[in-house]
């Protein structure tokens, strides 16, 4: 059986996927230090929201069973 141009198409697709991954990782224009600060701030905010939710009685969780 012949594969026709499938090999070439697969190579092109793989190349396009590889180039898109690089753009996503570096697309924000931040230095590694700025990225660490941004991520740390996001984690602190998330922890604060979770603590507030735990103190509030878990009403906003949405995971509980209703009877």
PDB file of N, CA and C in Angstrom:
ATOM      1  N   UNK A   1       0.834  -1.191   0.000  1.00  0.00           N
ATOM      2  CA  UNK A   1       0.000   0.000   0.000  1.00  0.00           C
ATOM      3  C   UNK A   1       0.872   1.244   0.000  1.00  0.00           C
ATOM      4  N   UNK A   2       0.422   2.229  -0.701  1.00  0.00           N
ATOM      5  CA  UNK A   2       1.195   3.469  -0.704  1.00  0.00           C
ATOM      6  C   UNK A   2       0.555   4.476   0.255  1.00  0.00           C
ATOM      7  N   UNK A   3       1.389   5.282   0.814  1.00  0.00           N
ATOM      8  CA  UNK A   3       0.906   6.264   1.782  1.00  0.00           C
ATOM      9  C   UNK A   3       0.656   7.616   1.139  1.00  0.00           C
ATOM     10  N   UNK A   4       1.024   7.782  -0.085  1.00  0.00           N
ATOM     11  CA  UNK A   4       0.798   9.057  -0.745  1.00  0.00           C
ATOM     12  C   UNK A   4       1.582  10.158  -0.063  1.00  0.00           C
ATOM     13  N   UNK A   5       0.920  11.248   0.205  1.00  0.00           N
ATOM     14  CA  UNK A   5       1.615  12.385   0.834  1.00  0.00           C
ATOM     15  C   UNK A   5       1.354  12.439   2.345  1.00  0.00           C
ATOM     16  N   UNK A   6       0.869  11.354   2.918  1.00  0.00           N
ATOM     17  CA  UNK A   6       0.521  11.349   4.344  1.00  0.00           C
ATOM     18  C   UNK A   6       1.733  11.654   5.216  1.00  0.00           C
ATOM     19  N   UNK A   7       2.894  11.093   4.866  1.00  0.00           N
ATOM     20  CA  UNK A   7       4.108  11.332   5.649  1.00  0.00           C
ATOM     21  C   UNK A   7       4.462  12.810   5.666  1.00  0.00           C
ATOM     22  N   UNK A   8       4.388  13.429   4.502  1.00  0.00           N
ATOM     23  CA  UNK A   8       4.706  14.858   4.417  1.00  0.00           C
ATOM     24  C   UNK A   8       3.719  15.690   5.217  1.00  0.00           C
ATOM     25  N   UNK A   9       2.439  15.351   5.111  1.00  0.00           N
ATOM     26  CA  UNK A   9       1.421  16.089   5.871  1.00  0.00           C
ATOM     27  C   UNK A   9       1.638  15.929   7.365  1.00  0.00           C
ATOM     28  N   UNK A  10       1.971  14.706   7.801  1.00  0.00           N
ATOM     29  CA  UNK A  10       2.213  14.464   9.220  1.00  0.00           C
ATOM     30  C   UNK A  10       3.408  15.272   9.712  1.00  0.00           C
ATOM     31  N   UNK A  11       4.464  15.348   8.894  1.00  0.00           N
ATOM     32  CA  UNK A  11       5.632  16.148   9.276  1.00  0.00           C
ATOM     33  C   UNK A  11       5.259  17.620   9.435  1.00  0.00           C
ATOM     34  N   UNK A  12       4.478  18.135   8.494  1.00  0.00           N
ATOM     35  CA  UNK A  12       4.059  19.539   8.566  1.00  0.00           C
ATOM     36  C   UNK A  12       3.224  19.803   9.815  1.00  0.00           C
ATOM     37  N   UNK A  13       2.309  18.888  10.110  1.00  0.00           N
ATOM     38  CA  UNK A  13       1.462  19.053  11.294  1.00  0.00           C
ATOM     39  C   UNK A  13       2.297  19.015  12.565  1.00  0.00           C
ATOM     40  N   UNK A  14       3.258  18.074  12.621  1.00  0.00           N
ATOM     41  CA  UNK A  14       4.114  17.968  13.803  1.00  0.00           C
ATOM     42  C   UNK A  14       4.945  19.231  13.973  1.00  0.00           C
ATOM     43  N   UNK A  15       5.424  19.771  12.883  1.00  0.00           N
ATOM     44  CA  UNK A  15       6.213  20.997  12.948  1.00  0.00           C
ATOM     45  C   UNK A  15       5.355  22.166  13.431  1.00  0.00           C
ATOM     46  N   UNK A  16       4.123  22.244  12.978  1.00  0.00           N
ATOM     47  CA  UNK A  16       3.222  23.316  13.399  1.00  0.00           C
ATOM     48  C   UNK A  16       2.903  23.196  14.879  1.00  0.00           C
ATOM     49  N   UNK A  17       2.678  21.967  15.352  1.00  0.00           N
ATOM     50  CA  UNK A  17       2.399  21.773  16.779  1.00  0.00           C
ATOM     51  C   UNK A  17       3.594  22.168  17.623  1.00  0.00           C
ATOM     52  N   UNK A  18       4.790  21.804  17.190  1.00  0.00           N
ATOM     53  CA  UNK A  18       6.003  22.112  17.955  1.00  0.00           C
ATOM     54  C   UNK A  18       6.211  23.621  18.032  1.00  0.00           C
ATOM     55  N   UNK A  19       5.950  24.337  16.962  1.00  0.00           N
ATOM     56  CA  UNK A  19       6.151  25.786  16.981  1.00  0.00           C
ATOM     57  C   UNK A  19       5.084  26.461  17.845  1.00  0.00           C
ATOM     58  N   UNK A  20       3.869  25.918  17.881  1.00  0.00           N
ATOM     59  CA  UNK A  20       2.822  26.500  18.726  1.00  0.00           C
ATOM     60  C   UNK A  20       3.124  26.324  20.202  1.00  0.00           C
ATOM     61  N   UNK A  21       3.713  25.201  20.583  1.00  0.00           N
ATOM     62  CA  UNK A  21       4.044  24.971  21.985  1.00  0.00           C
ATOM     63  C   UNK A  21       5.054  25.992  22.467  1.00  0.00           C
ATOM     64  N   UNK A  22       6.032  26.308  21.668  1.00  0.00           N
ATOM     65  CA  UNK A  22       7.036  27.300  22.044  1.00  0.00           C
ATOM     66  C   UNK A  22       6.430  28.669  22.234  1.00  0.00           C
ATOM     67  N   UNK A  23       5.465  29.021  21.405  1.00  0.00           N
ATOM     68  CA  UNK A  23       4.818  30.331  21.510  1.00  0.00           C
ATOM     69  C   UNK A  23       3.976  30.423  22.777  1.00  0.00           C
ATOM     70  N   UNK A  24       3.319  29.338  23.147  1.00  0.00           N
ATOM     71  CA  UNK A  24       2.477  29.364  24.340  1.00  0.00           C
ATOM     72  C   UNK A  24       3.314  29.533  25.595  1.00  0.00           C
ATOM     73  N   UNK A  25       4.439  28.870  25.664  1.00  0.00           N
ATOM     74  CA  UNK A  25       5.261  28.909  26.863  1.00  0.00           C
ATOM     75  C   UNK A  25       5.908  30.280  27.037  1.00  0.00           C
ATOM     76  N   UNK A  26       6.320  30.907  25.956  1.00  0.00           N
ATOM     77  CA  UNK A  26       7.042  32.168  26.045  1.00  0.00           C
ATOM     78  C   UNK A  26       6.185  33.348  25.608  1.00  0.00           C
ATOM     79  N   UNK A  27       4.925  33.136  25.348  1.00  0.00           N
ATOM     80  CA  UNK A  27       4.071  34.160  24.766  1.00  0.00           C
ATOM     81  C   UNK A  27       3.706  35.299  25.700  1.00  0.00           C
ATOM     82  N   UNK A  28       3.932  35.164  27.005  1.00  0.00           N
ATOM     83  CA  UNK A  28       3.504  36.209  27.918  1.00  0.00           C
ATOM     84  C   UNK A  28       4.514  37.345  28.017  1.00  0.00           C
ATOM     85  N   UNK A  29       5.726  37.158  27.511  1.00  0.00           N
ATOM     86  CA  UNK A  29       6.718  38.226  27.509  1.00  0.00           C
ATOM     87  C   UNK A  29       7.312  38.527  28.869  1.00  0.00           C
ATOM     88  N   UNK A  30       7.205  37.616  29.820  1.00  0.00           N
ATOM     89  CA  UNK A  30       7.723  37.839  31.165  1.00  0.00           C
ATOM     90  C   UNK A  30       9.046  37.120  31.351  1.00  0.00           C
ATOM     91  N   UNK A  31       9.845  37.679  32.238  1.00  0.00           N
ATOM     92  CA  UNK A  31      11.067  36.987  32.613  1.00  0.00           C
ATOM     93  C   UNK A  31      10.705  35.874  33.586  1.00  0.00           C
ATOM     94  N   UNK A  32      11.593  34.926  33.792  1.00  0.00           N
ATOM     95  CA  UNK A  32      11.279  33.858  34.747  1.00  0.00           C
ATOM     96  C   UNK A  32      10.969  34.390  36.151  1.00  0.00           C
ATOM     97  N   UNK A  33      11.659  35.425  36.567  1.00  0.00           N
ATOM     98  CA  UNK A  33      11.399  36.008  37.892  1.00  0.00           C
ATOM     99  C   UNK A  33      10.006  36.628  37.955  1.00  0.00           C
ATOM    100  N   UNK A  34       9.618  37.346  36.914  1.00  0.00           N
ATOM    101  CA  UNK A  34       8.274  37.940  36.880  1.00  0.00           C
ATOM    102  C   UNK A  34       7.212  36.850  36.866  1.00  0.00           C
ATOM    103  N   UNK A  35       7.478  35.777  36.144  1.00  0.00           N
ATOM    104  CA  UNK A  35       6.521  34.671  36.083  1.00  0.00           C
ATOM    105  C   UNK A  35       6.364  34.025  37.454  1.00  0.00           C
ATOM    106  N   UNK A  36       7.491  33.848  38.178  1.00  0.00           N
ATOM    107  CA  UNK A  36       7.424  33.273  39.528  1.00  0.00           C
ATOM    108  C   UNK A  36       6.610  34.164  40.455  1.00  0.00           C
ATOM    109  N   UNK A  37       6.832  35.485  40.372  1.00  0.00           N
ATOM    110  CA  UNK A  37       6.071  36.410  41.225  1.00  0.00           C
ATOM    111  C   UNK A  37       4.582  36.346  40.903  1.00  0.00           C
ATOM    112  N   UNK A  38       4.252  36.317  39.615  1.00  0.00           N
ATOM    113  CA  UNK A  38       2.847  36.246  39.206  1.00  0.00           C
ATOM    114  C   UNK A  38       2.202  34.961  39.722  1.00  0.00           C
ATOM    115  N   UNK A  39       2.904  33.858  39.571  1.00  0.00           N
ATOM    116  CA  UNK A  39       2.355  32.575  39.999  1.00  0.00           C
ATOM    117  C   UNK A  39       2.218  32.510  41.511  1.00  0.00           C
ATOM    118  N   UNK A  40       3.193  33.056  42.242  1.00  0.00           N
ATOM    119  CA  UNK A  40       3.117  33.053  43.704  1.00  0.00           C
ATOM    120  C   UNK A  40       1.921  33.874  44.174  1.00  0.00           C
ATOM    121  N   UNK A  41       1.708  35.018  43.537  1.00  0.00           N
ATOM    122  CA  UNK A  41       0.569  35.865  43.904  1.00  0.00           C
ATOM    123  C   UNK A  41      -0.754  35.137  43.644  1.00  0.00           C
ATOM    124  N   UNK A  42      -0.836  34.441  42.511  1.00  0.00           N
ATOM    125  CA  UNK A  42      -2.057  33.696  42.182  1.00  0.00           C
ATOM    126  C   UNK A  42      -2.300  32.591  43.198  1.00  0.00           C
ATOM    127  N   UNK A  43      -1.238  31.905  43.625  1.00  0.00           N
ATOM    128  CA  UNK A  43      -1.400  30.844  44.625  1.00  0.00           C
ATOM    129  C   UNK A  43      -1.844  31.412  45.971  1.00  0.00           C
ATOM    130  N   UNK A  44      -1.301  32.568  46.359  1.00  0.00           N
ATOM    131  CA  UNK A  44      -1.712  33.193  47.615  1.00  0.00           C
ATOM    132  C   UNK A  44      -3.182  33.579  47.573  1.00  0.00           C
ATOM    133  N   UNK A  45      -3.610  34.144  46.437  1.00  0.00           N
ATOM    134  CA  UNK A  45      -5.018  34.524  46.306  1.00  0.00           C
ATOM    135  C   UNK A  45      -5.920  33.294  46.359  1.00  0.00           C
ATOM    136  N   UNK A  46      -5.493  32.226  45.717  1.00  0.00           N
ATOM    137  CA  UNK A  46      -6.280  30.997  45.725  1.00  0.00           C
ATOM    138  C   UNK A  46      -6.398  30.435  47.137  1.00  0.00           C
ATOM    139  N   UNK A  47      -5.287  30.456  47.884  1.00  0.00           N
ATOM    140  CA  UNK A  47      -5.314  29.961  49.257  1.00  0.00           C
ATOM    141  C   UNK A  47      -6.218  30.825  50.126  1.00  0.00           C
ATOM    142  N   UNK A  48      -6.193  32.147  49.913  1.00  0.00           N
ATOM    143  CA  UNK A  48      -7.050  33.044  50.681  1.00  0.00           C
ATOM    144  C   UNK A  48      -8.523  32.770  50.380  1.00  0.00           C
ATOM    145  N   UNK A  49      -8.848  32.554  49.107  1.00  0.00           N
ATOM    146  CA  UNK A  49     -10.243  32.242  48.745  1.00  0.00           C
ATOM    147  C   UNK A  49     -10.690  30.930  49.383  1.00  0.00           C
ATOM    148  N   UNK A  50      -9.802  29.948  49.367  1.00  0.00           N
ATOM    149  CA  UNK A  50     -10.151  28.651  49.939  1.00  0.00           C
ATOM    150  C   UNK A  50     -10.351  28.768  51.443  1.00  0.00           C
ATOM    151  N   UNK A  51      -9.498  29.560  52.132  1.00  0.00           N
ATOM    152  CA  UNK A  51      -9.638  29.752  53.568  1.00  0.00           C
ATOM    153  C   UNK A  51     -10.943  30.489  53.886  1.00  0.00           C
ATOM    154  N   UNK A  52     -11.276  31.478  53.074  1.00  0.00           N
ATOM    155  CA  UNK A  52     -12.519  32.216  53.281  1.00  0.00           C
ATOM    156  C   UNK A  52     -13.720  31.309  53.061  1.00  0.00           C
ATOM    157  N   UNK A  53     -13.625  30.442  52.086  1.00  0.00           N
ATOM    158  CA  UNK A  53     -14.716  29.521  51.813  1.00  0.00           C
ATOM    159  C   UNK A  53     -14.870  28.534  52.969  1.00  0.00           C
ATOM    160  N   UNK A  54     -13.774  28.052  53.509  1.00  0.00           N
ATOM    161  CA  UNK A  54     -13.833  27.108  54.624  1.00  0.00           C
ATOM    162  C   UNK A  54     -14.416  27.783  55.858  1.00  0.00           C
ATOM    163  N   UNK A  55     -14.086  29.034  56.070  1.00  0.00           N
ATOM    164  CA  UNK A  55     -14.610  29.760  57.222  1.00  0.00           C
ATOM    165  C   UNK A  55     -16.085  30.107  57.038  1.00  0.00           C
ATOM    166  N   UNK A  56     -16.519  30.201  55.780  1.00  0.00           N
ATOM    167  CA  UNK A  56     -17.896  30.596  55.496  1.00  0.00           C
ATOM    168  C   UNK A  56     -18.878  29.449  55.502  1.00  0.00           C
ATOM    169  N   UNK A  57     -18.458  28.231  55.714  1.00  0.00           N
ATOM    170  CA  UNK A  57     -19.389  27.117  55.786  1.00  0.00           C
ATOM    171  C   UNK A  57     -19.522  26.329  54.507  1.00  0.00           C
ATOM    172  N   UNK A  58     -18.651  26.546  53.543  1.00  0.00           N
ATOM    173  CA  UNK A  58     -18.647  25.780  52.293  1.00  0.00           C
ATOM    174  C   UNK A  58     -19.946  25.909  51.502  1.00  0.00           C
ATOM    175  N   UNK A  59     -20.620  27.018  51.548  1.00  0.00           N
ATOM    176  CA  UNK A  59     -21.856  27.182  50.793  1.00  0.00           C
ATOM    177  C   UNK A  59     -21.603  27.327  49.303  1.00  0.00           C
ATOM    178  N   UNK A  60     -20.467  27.866  48.913  1.00  0.00           N
ATOM    179  CA  UNK A  60     -20.199  28.108  47.509  1.00  0.00           C
ATOM    180  C   UNK A  60     -19.506  26.942  46.839  1.00  0.00           C
ATOM    181  N   UNK A  61     -19.276  25.849  47.542  1.00  0.00           N
ATOM    182  CA  UNK A  61     -18.541  24.719  46.988  1.00  0.00           C
ATOM    183  C   UNK A  61     -19.270  24.038  45.856  1.00  0.00           C
ATOM    184  N   UNK A  62     -20.539  23.787  45.972  1.00  0.00           N
ATOM    185  CA  UNK A  62     -21.312  23.176  44.924  1.00  0.00           C
ATOM    186  C   UNK A  62     -21.098  21.676  44.786  1.00  0.00           C
ATOM    187  N   UNK A  63     -20.269  21.059  45.636  1.00  0.00           N
ATOM    188  CA  UNK A  63     -19.985  19.644  45.500  1.00  0.00           C
ATOM    189  C   UNK A  63     -20.817  18.773  46.412  1.00  0.00           C
ATOM    190  N   UNK A  64     -21.585  19.354  47.294  1.00  0.00           N
ATOM    191  CA  UNK A  64     -22.350  18.578  48.264  1.00  0.00           C
ATOM    192  C   UNK A  64     -23.611  17.972  47.681  1.00  0.00           C
ATOM    193  N   UNK A  65     -24.170  17.007  48.394  1.00  0.00           N
ATOM    194  CA  UNK A  65     -25.403  16.372  47.951  1.00  0.00           C
ATOM    195  C   UNK A  65     -26.592  17.152  48.470  1.00  0.00           C
ATOM    196  N   UNK A  66     -27.622  17.224  47.661  1.00  0.00           N
ATOM    197  CA  UNK A  66     -28.855  17.881  48.078  1.00  0.00           C
ATOM    198  C   UNK A  66     -29.890  16.807  48.383  1.00  0.00           C
ATOM    199  N   UNK A  67     -30.613  16.997  49.460  1.00  0.00           N
ATOM    200  CA  UNK A  67     -31.622  16.005  49.859  1.00  0.00           C
ATOM    201  C   UNK A  67     -33.014  16.540  49.624  1.00  0.00           C
TER     202      UNK A  67
END
